[in-house]
Amino acid sequence: MSGTRATARRPRAARAPAERPAQILDAAARVLLRDGVDATIDGIAAEAGLGKGTVYEYFGSKAQVFTALRNRCNEQILAAGAAAVSVGPDASTLDRVRRFVAGMFEFGVANAALVALLFHEAGIEERDELGPIRASLLDLVEQGVRGGELAVEDPAFTVEFLLHGLHGVMESALADGASAGPLLDRVDGVLVALLNPVRVRN
């Protein structure tokens, strides 16, 4: 008997072809959390209830599966930030930026294990993985500058500086198992200093 562990196959799921990529990525997330970066296409296919050949119809390699999963995670992080902003669309620009950052952090903390695997252990390099998040944050800041709420001379550079700082802080927080609340309290002072909100005189 060989020493390899057999992977139990889930019952085949009847899904339309258009839904297969999401089905595969859902399975890949579960397998990645279970097996780490040693996850295999065989294991992902079994978890998804699909044949290995079907997985290869959509993704050419394990690296492509992980890259797609990471891109989806970035989309979810961005969506979490946008959803937090939408709760109070009439808030000040500074508060909307705060909510955007808080939404991203809270998603990251809630999905810390998967985020750590995808962004630190899977060995995937993207040229501009933060591009969509940068664009959304820059739009918020530029709205504040145009509306006279923020005194920021170079919004693009400020957002770039802020985004990479936040990215590093989030990485450290996830590695240390920190909760979002206390960390966001500390981040707030940095946001105020960089975005320089204009005080309105009564």
N, C-alpha and C. Protein backbone atom coordinates (compact mmCIF):
# COMPACT_ATOMS: atom_id res chain seq x y z
N MET A 1 0.86 -1.20 0.00
CA MET A 1 0.00 0.00 0.00
C MET A 1 0.88 1.24 0.00
N SER A 2 0.59 2.20 -0.83
CA SER A 2 1.45 3.38 -0.91
C SER A 2 1.23 4.25 0.30
N GLY A 3 2.21 5.12 0.57
CA GLY A 3 2.13 6.00 1.72
C GLY A 3 1.39 7.29 1.44
N THR A 4 0.90 7.46 0.23
CA THR A 4 0.21 8.71 -0.08
C THR A 4 -1.21 8.67 0.44
N ARG A 5 -1.72 9.79 0.85
CA ARG A 5 -3.07 9.90 1.40
C ARG A 5 -4.06 10.13 0.27
N ALA A 6 -5.05 9.27 0.19
CA ALA A 6 -6.07 9.43 -0.85
C ALA A 6 -6.93 10.64 -0.54
N THR A 7 -7.27 11.36 -1.56
CA THR A 7 -8.12 12.54 -1.39
C THR A 7 -9.55 12.18 -1.71
N ALA A 8 -10.43 12.33 -0.74
CA ALA A 8 -11.84 12.01 -0.95
C ALA A 8 -12.44 13.00 -1.93
N ARG A 9 -13.16 12.48 -2.89
CA ARG A 9 -13.79 13.35 -3.88
C ARG A 9 -15.19 13.72 -3.42
N ARG A 10 -15.51 14.99 -3.50
CA ARG A 10 -16.87 15.42 -3.20
C ARG A 10 -17.79 14.96 -4.31
N PRO A 11 -19.08 14.78 -4.01
CA PRO A 11 -20.01 14.43 -5.08
C PRO A 11 -19.97 15.49 -6.18
N ARG A 12 -20.06 15.04 -7.41
CA ARG A 12 -20.00 15.99 -8.51
C ARG A 12 -21.17 16.96 -8.42
N ALA A 13 -20.85 18.23 -8.53
CA ALA A 13 -21.86 19.27 -8.40
C ALA A 13 -22.33 19.69 -9.79
N ALA A 14 -23.63 19.75 -9.96
CA ALA A 14 -24.18 20.18 -11.25
C ALA A 14 -24.15 21.70 -11.30
N ARG A 15 -23.20 22.23 -11.98
CA ARG A 15 -23.07 23.69 -12.11
C ARG A 15 -22.97 24.04 -13.59
N ALA A 16 -23.52 25.19 -13.94
CA ALA A 16 -23.36 25.67 -15.31
C ALA A 16 -21.90 26.02 -15.55
N PRO A 17 -21.41 25.84 -16.79
CA PRO A 17 -20.00 26.15 -17.07
C PRO A 17 -19.59 27.55 -16.64
N ALA A 18 -20.50 28.52 -16.74
CA ALA A 18 -20.15 29.89 -16.36
C ALA A 18 -19.85 30.00 -14.87
N GLU A 19 -20.36 29.07 -14.08
CA GLU A 19 -20.14 29.11 -12.63
C GLU A 19 -18.93 28.30 -12.20
N ARG A 20 -18.34 27.56 -13.12
CA ARG A 20 -17.23 26.68 -12.76
C ARG A 20 -16.02 27.41 -12.18
N PRO A 21 -15.59 28.55 -12.77
CA PRO A 21 -14.43 29.22 -12.16
C PRO A 21 -14.63 29.54 -10.69
N ALA A 22 -15.81 30.06 -10.33
CA ALA A 22 -16.08 30.37 -8.93
C ALA A 22 -16.11 29.11 -8.10
N GLN A 23 -16.68 28.04 -8.65
CA GLN A 23 -16.73 26.75 -7.96
C GLN A 23 -15.31 26.25 -7.66
N ILE A 24 -14.45 26.37 -8.65
CA ILE A 24 -13.07 25.92 -8.49
C ILE A 24 -12.33 26.78 -7.47
N LEU A 25 -12.54 28.09 -7.53
CA LEU A 25 -11.86 28.99 -6.59
C LEU A 25 -12.37 28.79 -5.16
N ASP A 26 -13.66 28.54 -5.01
CA ASP A 26 -14.18 28.24 -3.67
C ASP A 26 -13.50 26.99 -3.11
N ALA A 27 -13.39 25.99 -3.95
CA ALA A 27 -12.74 24.75 -3.52
C ALA A 27 -11.26 25.00 -3.23
N ALA A 28 -10.61 25.79 -4.08
CA ALA A 28 -9.19 26.08 -3.89
C ALA A 28 -8.94 26.78 -2.56
N ALA A 29 -9.84 27.69 -2.18
CA ALA A 29 -9.68 28.38 -0.90
C ALA A 29 -9.75 27.40 0.25
N ARG A 30 -10.69 26.46 0.20
CA ARG A 30 -10.81 25.46 1.26
C ARG A 30 -9.58 24.57 1.33
N VAL A 31 -9.10 24.14 0.16
CA VAL A 31 -7.93 23.26 0.13
C VAL A 31 -6.68 24.00 0.58
N LEU A 32 -6.55 25.26 0.18
CA LEU A 32 -5.40 26.05 0.58
C LEU A 32 -5.37 26.21 2.10
N LEU A 33 -6.52 26.47 2.69
CA LEU A 33 -6.58 26.60 4.15
C LEU A 33 -6.28 25.28 4.84
N ARG A 34 -6.64 24.19 4.20
CA ARG A 34 -6.41 22.86 4.79
C ARG A 34 -4.98 22.36 4.59
N ASP A 35 -4.47 22.53 3.38
CA ASP A 35 -3.19 21.92 3.02
C ASP A 35 -2.05 22.92 2.87
N GLY A 36 -2.36 24.22 2.92
CA GLY A 36 -1.32 25.22 2.71
C GLY A 36 -0.87 25.24 1.27
N VAL A 37 0.34 25.72 1.05
CA VAL A 37 0.83 25.86 -0.32
C VAL A 37 1.16 24.53 -0.98
N ASP A 38 1.04 23.44 -0.23
CA ASP A 38 1.20 22.11 -0.81
C ASP A 38 -0.07 21.63 -1.49
N ALA A 39 -1.10 22.46 -1.49
CA ALA A 39 -2.34 22.11 -2.19
C ALA A 39 -2.04 21.76 -3.64
N THR A 40 -2.79 20.80 -4.17
CA THR A 40 -2.57 20.33 -5.54
C THR A 40 -3.83 20.50 -6.38
N ILE A 41 -3.64 20.44 -7.69
CA ILE A 41 -4.79 20.47 -8.59
C ILE A 41 -5.68 19.27 -8.34
N ASP A 42 -5.09 18.12 -8.06
CA ASP A 42 -5.88 16.93 -7.75
C ASP A 42 -6.78 17.19 -6.55
N GLY A 43 -6.19 17.79 -5.51
CA GLY A 43 -6.96 18.06 -4.31
C GLY A 43 -8.05 19.08 -4.54
N ILE A 44 -7.75 20.10 -5.33
CA ILE A 44 -8.74 21.14 -5.64
C ILE A 44 -9.88 20.55 -6.46
N ALA A 45 -9.53 19.72 -7.46
CA ALA A 45 -10.56 19.10 -8.29
C ALA A 45 -11.47 18.21 -7.44
N ALA A 46 -10.87 17.42 -6.55
CA ALA A 46 -11.67 16.54 -5.69
C ALA A 46 -12.58 17.34 -4.79
N GLU A 47 -12.06 18.42 -4.23
CA GLU A 47 -12.86 19.26 -3.33
C GLU A 47 -14.02 19.91 -4.08
N ALA A 48 -13.80 20.25 -5.34
CA ALA A 48 -14.83 20.89 -6.16
C ALA A 48 -15.82 19.88 -6.74
N GLY A 49 -15.51 18.57 -6.62
CA GLY A 49 -16.37 17.57 -7.21
C GLY A 49 -16.26 17.54 -8.72
N LEU A 50 -15.07 17.88 -9.23
CA LEU A 50 -14.83 17.94 -10.67
C LEU A 50 -13.66 17.05 -11.04
N GLY A 51 -13.56 16.71 -12.31
CA GLY A 51 -12.39 16.03 -12.80
C GLY A 51 -11.22 17.00 -12.93
N LYS A 52 -10.01 16.48 -12.80
CA LYS A 52 -8.83 17.33 -12.91
C LYS A 52 -8.79 18.02 -14.27
N GLY A 53 -9.21 17.32 -15.31
CA GLY A 53 -9.21 17.91 -16.65
C GLY A 53 -10.13 19.12 -16.74
N THR A 54 -11.23 19.07 -16.00
CA THR A 54 -12.15 20.22 -16.01
C THR A 54 -11.49 21.44 -15.39
N VAL A 55 -10.74 21.23 -14.30
CA VAL A 55 -10.02 22.35 -13.68
C VAL A 55 -9.04 22.95 -14.68
N TYR A 56 -8.35 22.10 -15.42
CA TYR A 56 -7.36 22.59 -16.38
C TYR A 56 -8.01 23.31 -17.57
N GLU A 57 -9.31 23.09 -17.79
CA GLU A 57 -9.99 23.84 -18.85
C GLU A 57 -10.07 25.33 -18.51
N TYR A 58 -10.05 25.63 -17.20
CA TYR A 58 -10.21 27.01 -16.75
C TYR A 58 -8.91 27.62 -16.23
N PHE A 59 -8.04 26.79 -15.69
CA PHE A 59 -6.78 27.27 -15.11
C PHE A 59 -5.67 26.33 -15.55
N GLY A 60 -4.62 26.91 -16.12
CA GLY A 60 -3.55 26.09 -16.69
C GLY A 60 -2.60 25.49 -15.69
N SER A 61 -2.62 25.97 -14.45
CA SER A 61 -1.68 25.48 -13.44
C SER A 61 -2.18 25.87 -12.06
N LYS A 62 -1.53 25.30 -11.05
CA LYS A 62 -1.87 25.66 -9.67
C LYS A 62 -1.57 27.14 -9.44
N ALA A 63 -0.49 27.64 -10.04
CA ALA A 63 -0.15 29.05 -9.87
C ALA A 63 -1.26 29.94 -10.41
N GLN A 64 -1.87 29.55 -11.54
CA GLN A 64 -2.96 30.34 -12.10
C GLN A 64 -4.18 30.31 -11.19
N VAL A 65 -4.44 29.17 -10.56
CA VAL A 65 -5.55 29.09 -9.61
C VAL A 65 -5.30 30.04 -8.44
N PHE A 66 -4.09 30.00 -7.89
CA PHE A 66 -3.76 30.86 -6.75
C PHE A 66 -3.80 32.34 -7.13
N THR A 67 -3.33 32.66 -8.34
CA THR A 67 -3.37 34.05 -8.79
C THR A 67 -4.80 34.54 -8.92
N ALA A 68 -5.66 33.71 -9.50
CA ALA A 68 -7.07 34.08 -9.63
C ALA A 68 -7.72 34.22 -8.26
N LEU A 69 -7.35 33.34 -7.34
CA LEU A 69 -7.91 33.40 -5.99
C LEU A 69 -7.45 34.67 -5.29
N ARG A 70 -6.20 35.05 -5.52
CA ARG A 70 -5.69 36.27 -4.91
C ARG A 70 -6.35 37.51 -5.52
N ASN A 71 -6.56 37.49 -6.83
CA ASN A 71 -7.25 38.61 -7.47
C ASN A 71 -8.67 38.74 -6.92
N ARG A 72 -9.33 37.61 -6.71
CA ARG A 72 -10.68 37.66 -6.15
C ARG A 72 -10.66 38.19 -4.73
N CYS A 73 -9.64 37.82 -3.97
CA CYS A 73 -9.52 38.32 -2.61
C CYS A 73 -9.33 39.84 -2.61
N ASN A 74 -8.52 40.35 -3.54
CA ASN A 74 -8.36 41.81 -3.66
C ASN A 74 -9.69 42.48 -3.99
N GLU A 75 -10.47 41.86 -4.88
CA GLU A 75 -11.78 42.41 -5.22
C GLU A 75 -12.69 42.43 -3.98
N GLN A 76 -12.59 41.40 -3.16
CA GLN A 76 -13.42 41.34 -1.96
C GLN A 76 -12.98 42.38 -0.92
N ILE A 77 -11.67 42.60 -0.84
CA ILE A 77 -11.16 43.62 0.07
C ILE A 77 -11.67 44.99 -0.37
N LEU A 78 -11.59 45.26 -1.68
CA LEU A 78 -12.08 46.53 -2.21
C LEU A 78 -13.58 46.68 -1.98
N ALA A 79 -14.33 45.60 -2.20
CA ALA A 79 -15.77 45.65 -2.00
C ALA A 79 -16.12 45.91 -0.54
N ALA A 80 -15.33 45.34 0.37
CA ALA A 80 -15.57 45.58 1.80
C ALA A 80 -15.36 47.05 2.14
N GLY A 81 -14.32 47.65 1.57
CA GLY A 81 -14.09 49.07 1.80
C GLY A 81 -15.20 49.93 1.22
N ALA A 82 -15.62 49.59 -0.01
CA ALA A 82 -16.69 50.36 -0.66
C ALA A 82 -18.00 50.23 0.10
N ALA A 83 -18.29 49.03 0.61
CA ALA A 83 -19.53 48.81 1.36
C ALA A 83 -19.53 49.64 2.64
N ALA A 84 -18.38 49.74 3.29
CA ALA A 84 -18.30 50.54 4.51
C ALA A 84 -18.54 52.01 4.21
N VAL A 85 -18.04 52.50 3.08
CA VAL A 85 -18.26 53.90 2.69
C VAL A 85 -19.73 54.14 2.39
N SER A 86 -20.39 53.18 1.76
CA SER A 86 -21.78 53.37 1.33
C SER A 86 -22.74 53.49 2.50
N VAL A 87 -22.32 53.05 3.68
CA VAL A 87 -23.19 53.16 4.86
C VAL A 87 -23.45 54.61 5.22
N GLY A 88 -22.44 55.47 4.97
CA GLY A 88 -22.61 56.89 5.27
C GLY A 88 -22.11 57.75 4.13
N PRO A 89 -22.79 57.74 2.98
CA PRO A 89 -22.29 58.46 1.80
C PRO A 89 -22.23 59.97 1.99
N ASP A 90 -22.98 60.50 2.96
CA ASP A 90 -22.97 61.95 3.16
C ASP A 90 -21.97 62.39 4.24
N ALA A 91 -21.17 61.45 4.72
CA ALA A 91 -20.17 61.77 5.74
C ALA A 91 -19.06 62.63 5.13
N SER A 92 -18.25 63.22 5.97
CA SER A 92 -17.10 63.99 5.47
C SER A 92 -16.14 63.08 4.72
N THR A 93 -15.31 63.68 3.89
CA THR A 93 -14.34 62.88 3.14
C THR A 93 -13.43 62.11 4.09
N LEU A 94 -12.97 62.75 5.15
CA LEU A 94 -12.10 62.07 6.09
C LEU A 94 -12.79 60.85 6.68
N ASP A 95 -14.06 60.98 7.04
CA ASP A 95 -14.79 59.84 7.60
C ASP A 95 -15.00 58.75 6.56
N ARG A 96 -15.21 59.14 5.30
CA ARG A 96 -15.37 58.11 4.25
C ARG A 96 -14.06 57.36 4.03
N VAL A 97 -12.93 58.07 4.09
CA VAL A 97 -11.65 57.38 3.99
C VAL A 97 -11.46 56.45 5.19
N ARG A 98 -11.81 56.94 6.37
CA ARG A 98 -11.72 56.09 7.56
C ARG A 98 -12.54 54.81 7.39
N ARG A 99 -13.76 54.95 6.88
CA ARG A 99 -14.63 53.80 6.71
C ARG A 99 -14.07 52.84 5.65
N PHE A 100 -13.52 53.41 4.58
CA PHE A 100 -12.93 52.59 3.53
C PHE A 100 -11.78 51.74 4.10
N VAL A 101 -10.91 52.38 4.84
CA VAL A 101 -9.77 51.68 5.45
C VAL A 101 -10.26 50.65 6.46
N ALA A 102 -11.24 51.03 7.28
CA ALA A 102 -11.77 50.11 8.29
C ALA A 102 -12.39 48.88 7.64
N GLY A 103 -13.14 49.09 6.55
CA GLY A 103 -13.75 47.96 5.86
C GLY A 103 -12.71 46.98 5.35
N MET A 104 -11.63 47.51 4.77
CA MET A 104 -10.56 46.65 4.27
C MET A 104 -9.89 45.89 5.41
N PHE A 105 -9.57 46.60 6.49
CA PHE A 105 -8.90 45.97 7.62
C PHE A 105 -9.77 44.87 8.22
N GLU A 106 -11.06 45.16 8.38
CA GLU A 106 -11.94 44.18 9.01
C GLU A 106 -12.08 42.92 8.15
N PHE A 107 -12.11 43.10 6.82
CA PHE A 107 -12.13 41.92 5.95
C PHE A 107 -10.84 41.13 6.11
N GLY A 108 -9.71 41.85 6.12
CA GLY A 108 -8.42 41.18 6.25
C GLY A 108 -8.31 40.39 7.54
N VAL A 109 -8.75 40.98 8.65
CA VAL A 109 -8.68 40.30 9.94
C VAL A 109 -9.61 39.09 9.96
N ALA A 110 -10.82 39.26 9.40
CA ALA A 110 -11.79 38.16 9.39
C ALA A 110 -11.32 36.99 8.52
N ASN A 111 -10.48 37.27 7.54
CA ASN A 111 -9.99 36.23 6.62
C ASN A 111 -8.47 36.12 6.70
N ALA A 112 -7.94 36.31 7.90
CA ALA A 112 -6.50 36.43 8.09
C ALA A 112 -5.71 35.24 7.56
N ALA A 113 -6.19 34.03 7.81
CA ALA A 113 -5.44 32.84 7.40
C ALA A 113 -5.32 32.76 5.88
N LEU A 114 -6.43 32.99 5.18
CA LEU A 114 -6.41 32.92 3.72
C LEU A 114 -5.59 34.05 3.13
N VAL A 115 -5.75 35.26 3.67
CA VAL A 115 -4.98 36.41 3.18
C VAL A 115 -3.49 36.17 3.35
N ALA A 116 -3.09 35.64 4.51
CA ALA A 116 -1.67 35.39 4.75
C ALA A 116 -1.11 34.37 3.76
N LEU A 117 -1.87 33.32 3.50
CA LEU A 117 -1.42 32.30 2.56
C LEU A 117 -1.29 32.87 1.15
N LEU A 118 -2.30 33.62 0.71
CA LEU A 118 -2.31 34.11 -0.66
C LEU A 118 -1.27 35.20 -0.90
N PHE A 119 -1.06 36.07 0.09
CA PHE A 119 -0.21 37.23 -0.14
C PHE A 119 1.22 37.07 0.36
N HIS A 120 1.47 36.03 1.15
CA HIS A 120 2.81 35.90 1.72
C HIS A 120 3.47 34.55 1.48
N GLU A 121 2.68 33.50 1.32
CA GLU A 121 3.27 32.17 1.23
C GLU A 121 3.14 31.54 -0.15
N ALA A 122 2.19 32.01 -0.95
CA ALA A 122 1.95 31.36 -2.23
C ALA A 122 2.99 31.72 -3.29
N GLY A 123 3.81 32.73 -3.03
CA GLY A 123 4.89 33.08 -3.96
C GLY A 123 4.40 33.69 -5.26
N ILE A 124 3.28 34.39 -5.21
CA ILE A 124 2.73 35.02 -6.41
C ILE A 124 3.17 36.48 -6.44
N GLU A 125 3.61 36.94 -7.57
CA GLU A 125 4.00 38.34 -7.72
C GLU A 125 3.13 38.99 -8.78
N GLU A 126 2.51 40.09 -8.44
CA GLU A 126 1.70 40.85 -9.39
C GLU A 126 2.34 42.23 -9.55
N ARG A 127 2.29 42.77 -10.76
CA ARG A 127 2.92 44.07 -11.00
C ARG A 127 2.22 45.18 -10.23
N ASP A 128 0.91 45.13 -10.17
CA ASP A 128 0.19 46.22 -9.52
C ASP A 128 -1.08 45.68 -8.88
N GLU A 129 -0.90 44.82 -7.90
CA GLU A 129 -2.05 44.17 -7.29
C GLU A 129 -2.92 45.15 -6.52
N LEU A 130 -2.36 46.28 -6.11
CA LEU A 130 -3.12 47.26 -5.34
C LEU A 130 -3.77 48.33 -6.21
N GLY A 131 -3.67 48.19 -7.52
CA GLY A 131 -4.16 49.21 -8.44
C GLY A 131 -5.61 49.62 -8.22
N PRO A 132 -6.57 48.66 -8.19
CA PRO A 132 -7.97 49.05 -8.00
C PRO A 132 -8.23 49.72 -6.65
N ILE A 133 -7.55 49.24 -5.61
CA ILE A 133 -7.71 49.85 -4.28
C ILE A 133 -7.14 51.26 -4.29
N ARG A 134 -5.98 51.44 -4.94
CA ARG A 134 -5.37 52.76 -5.05
C ARG A 134 -6.31 53.73 -5.76
N ALA A 135 -6.92 53.28 -6.85
CA ALA A 135 -7.81 54.14 -7.64
C ALA A 135 -9.01 54.59 -6.80
N SER A 136 -9.59 53.68 -6.03
CA SER A 136 -10.74 54.03 -5.21
C SER A 136 -10.37 55.01 -4.11
N LEU A 137 -9.23 54.77 -3.48
CA LEU A 137 -8.79 55.65 -2.40
C LEU A 137 -8.43 57.03 -2.95
N LEU A 138 -7.79 57.05 -4.12
CA LEU A 138 -7.43 58.33 -4.74
C LEU A 138 -8.68 59.12 -5.11
N ASP A 139 -9.70 58.43 -5.59
CA ASP A 139 -10.95 59.12 -5.94
C ASP A 139 -11.56 59.79 -4.71
N LEU A 140 -11.54 59.10 -3.57
CA LEU A 140 -12.07 59.68 -2.34
C LEU A 140 -11.28 60.94 -1.95
N VAL A 141 -9.95 60.84 -2.00
CA VAL A 141 -9.11 61.97 -1.59
C VAL A 141 -9.29 63.14 -2.54
N GLU A 142 -9.34 62.87 -3.85
CA GLU A 142 -9.51 63.96 -4.82
C GLU A 142 -10.87 64.63 -4.66
N GLN A 143 -11.89 63.87 -4.30
CA GLN A 143 -13.19 64.49 -4.02
C GLN A 143 -13.07 65.47 -2.85
N GLY A 144 -12.34 65.06 -1.83
CA GLY A 144 -12.15 65.92 -0.67
C GLY A 144 -11.36 67.17 -0.99
N VAL A 145 -10.37 67.05 -1.86
CA VAL A 145 -9.57 68.22 -2.27
C VAL A 145 -10.44 69.18 -3.08
N ARG A 146 -11.19 68.64 -4.04
CA ARG A 146 -12.05 69.49 -4.87
C ARG A 146 -13.13 70.18 -4.04
N GLY A 147 -13.60 69.50 -3.01
CA GLY A 147 -14.64 70.08 -2.17
C GLY A 147 -14.11 70.98 -1.07
N GLY A 148 -12.79 71.16 -1.01
CA GLY A 148 -12.20 72.03 -0.01
C GLY A 148 -12.14 71.44 1.39
N GLU A 149 -12.33 70.12 1.50
CA GLU A 149 -12.29 69.47 2.80
C GLU A 149 -10.88 69.04 3.21
N LEU A 150 -10.04 68.73 2.21
CA LEU A 150 -8.69 68.25 2.48
C LEU A 150 -7.68 69.17 1.82
N ALA A 151 -6.63 69.51 2.55
CA ALA A 151 -5.55 70.34 2.00
C ALA A 151 -4.37 69.43 1.66
N VAL A 152 -4.46 68.77 0.51
CA VAL A 152 -3.44 67.83 0.07
C VAL A 152 -2.89 68.34 -1.26
N GLU A 153 -1.60 68.66 -1.31
CA GLU A 153 -1.01 69.23 -2.52
C GLU A 153 -0.85 68.20 -3.63
N ASP A 154 -0.50 66.98 -3.27
CA ASP A 154 -0.25 65.95 -4.27
C ASP A 154 -1.04 64.70 -3.88
N PRO A 155 -2.32 64.62 -4.26
CA PRO A 155 -3.16 63.49 -3.85
C PRO A 155 -2.60 62.13 -4.28
N ALA A 156 -2.06 62.03 -5.51
CA ALA A 156 -1.56 60.75 -6.00
C ALA A 156 -0.41 60.23 -5.15
N PHE A 157 0.57 61.11 -4.85
CA PHE A 157 1.70 60.70 -4.04
C PHE A 157 1.26 60.37 -2.62
N THR A 158 0.34 61.18 -2.08
CA THR A 158 -0.14 60.97 -0.72
C THR A 158 -0.83 59.62 -0.61
N VAL A 159 -1.67 59.29 -1.59
CA VAL A 159 -2.37 58.01 -1.57
C VAL A 159 -1.40 56.85 -1.73
N GLU A 160 -0.40 57.01 -2.60
CA GLU A 160 0.61 55.96 -2.77
C GLU A 160 1.34 55.70 -1.46
N PHE A 161 1.74 56.76 -0.80
CA PHE A 161 2.46 56.66 0.47
C PHE A 161 1.56 56.00 1.52
N LEU A 162 0.32 56.47 1.58
CA LEU A 162 -0.62 55.96 2.56
C LEU A 162 -0.94 54.49 2.31
N LEU A 163 -1.17 54.14 1.06
CA LEU A 163 -1.57 52.78 0.72
C LEU A 163 -0.49 51.77 1.08
N HIS A 164 0.76 52.10 0.75
CA HIS A 164 1.83 51.15 1.06
C HIS A 164 2.06 51.06 2.56
N GLY A 165 1.87 52.17 3.26
CA GLY A 165 1.97 52.11 4.71
C GLY A 165 0.88 51.24 5.30
N LEU A 166 -0.34 51.41 4.83
CA LEU A 166 -1.46 50.60 5.31
C LEU A 166 -1.25 49.12 5.00
N HIS A 167 -0.72 48.86 3.80
CA HIS A 167 -0.47 47.48 3.40
C HIS A 167 0.53 46.82 4.35
N GLY A 168 1.59 47.55 4.68
CA GLY A 168 2.58 47.00 5.60
C GLY A 168 2.03 46.80 7.00
N VAL A 169 1.23 47.76 7.46
CA VAL A 169 0.62 47.64 8.78
C VAL A 169 -0.33 46.45 8.83
N MET A 170 -1.11 46.27 7.76
CA MET A 170 -2.05 45.15 7.73
C MET A 170 -1.29 43.82 7.74
N GLU A 171 -0.20 43.74 6.99
CA GLU A 171 0.60 42.51 6.99
C GLU A 171 1.08 42.17 8.39
N SER A 172 1.61 43.17 9.08
CA SER A 172 2.11 42.94 10.44
C SER A 172 0.99 42.55 11.38
N ALA A 173 -0.17 43.22 11.23
CA ALA A 173 -1.30 42.93 12.10
C ALA A 173 -1.79 41.51 11.92
N LEU A 174 -1.89 41.05 10.67
CA LEU A 174 -2.36 39.71 10.41
C LEU A 174 -1.36 38.67 10.94
N ALA A 175 -0.08 38.98 10.79
CA ALA A 175 0.94 38.05 11.29
C ALA A 175 0.90 37.94 12.81
N ASP A 176 0.57 39.05 13.47
CA ASP A 176 0.55 39.07 14.94
C ASP A 176 -0.80 38.69 15.52
N GLY A 177 -1.80 38.50 14.67
CA GLY A 177 -3.13 38.16 15.15
C GLY A 177 -3.83 39.32 15.83
N ALA A 178 -3.49 40.54 15.45
CA ALA A 178 -4.09 41.72 16.08
C ALA A 178 -5.53 41.91 15.64
N SER A 179 -6.33 42.56 16.49
CA SER A 179 -7.70 42.88 16.14
C SER A 179 -7.72 44.23 15.43
N ALA A 180 -8.80 44.47 14.67
CA ALA A 180 -8.85 45.66 13.83
C ALA A 180 -9.03 46.94 14.64
N GLY A 181 -9.85 46.92 15.70
CA GLY A 181 -10.21 48.13 16.42
C GLY A 181 -9.05 48.95 16.94
N PRO A 182 -8.21 48.39 17.82
CA PRO A 182 -7.09 49.16 18.37
C PRO A 182 -6.12 49.63 17.29
N LEU A 183 -5.95 48.80 16.28
CA LEU A 183 -5.02 49.18 15.20
C LEU A 183 -5.56 50.37 14.42
N LEU A 184 -6.86 50.37 14.16
CA LEU A 184 -7.45 51.48 13.42
C LEU A 184 -7.39 52.78 14.21
N ASP A 185 -7.46 52.68 15.53
CA ASP A 185 -7.32 53.89 16.36
C ASP A 185 -5.95 54.52 16.14
N ARG A 186 -4.93 53.69 16.01
CA ARG A 186 -3.57 54.19 15.80
C ARG A 186 -3.40 54.71 14.37
N VAL A 187 -4.04 54.05 13.42
CA VAL A 187 -3.96 54.47 12.03
C VAL A 187 -4.62 55.83 11.84
N ASP A 188 -5.64 56.13 12.63
CA ASP A 188 -6.42 57.35 12.43
C ASP A 188 -5.56 58.60 12.51
N GLY A 189 -4.63 58.64 13.44
CA GLY A 189 -3.76 59.81 13.55
C GLY A 189 -2.93 60.02 12.30
N VAL A 190 -2.50 58.93 11.69
CA VAL A 190 -1.72 59.03 10.45
C VAL A 190 -2.60 59.55 9.32
N LEU A 191 -3.84 59.06 9.24
CA LEU A 191 -4.76 59.55 8.21
C LEU A 191 -4.97 61.05 8.32
N VAL A 192 -5.19 61.51 9.55
CA VAL A 192 -5.43 62.94 9.75
C VAL A 192 -4.20 63.75 9.35
N ALA A 193 -3.01 63.28 9.73
CA ALA A 193 -1.79 64.01 9.42
C ALA A 193 -1.54 64.08 7.91
N LEU A 194 -1.79 62.98 7.20
CA LEU A 194 -1.51 62.95 5.76
C LEU A 194 -2.58 63.68 4.95
N LEU A 195 -3.82 63.55 5.36
CA LEU A 195 -4.91 64.12 4.56
C LEU A 195 -5.22 65.57 4.92
N ASN A 196 -4.72 66.02 6.07
CA ASN A 196 -4.78 67.44 6.43
C ASN A 196 -6.18 68.02 6.26
N PRO A 197 -7.16 67.52 7.01
CA PRO A 197 -8.52 68.06 6.87
C PRO A 197 -8.58 69.54 7.23
N VAL A 198 -9.35 70.27 6.45
CA VAL A 198 -9.48 71.72 6.65
C VAL A 198 -10.49 71.96 7.75
N ARG A 199 -10.11 72.77 8.71
CA ARG A 199 -11.02 73.11 9.80
C ARG A 199 -11.98 74.20 9.32
N VAL A 200 -13.25 73.95 9.51
CA VAL A 200 -14.26 74.93 9.10
C VAL A 200 -14.55 75.85 10.27
N ARG A 201 -14.38 77.15 10.05
CA ARG A 201 -14.63 78.12 11.11
C ARG A 201 -16.12 78.43 11.19
N ASN A 202 -16.61 78.50 12.40
CA ASN A 202 -18.03 78.85 12.61
C ASN A 202 -18.22 80.37 12.50
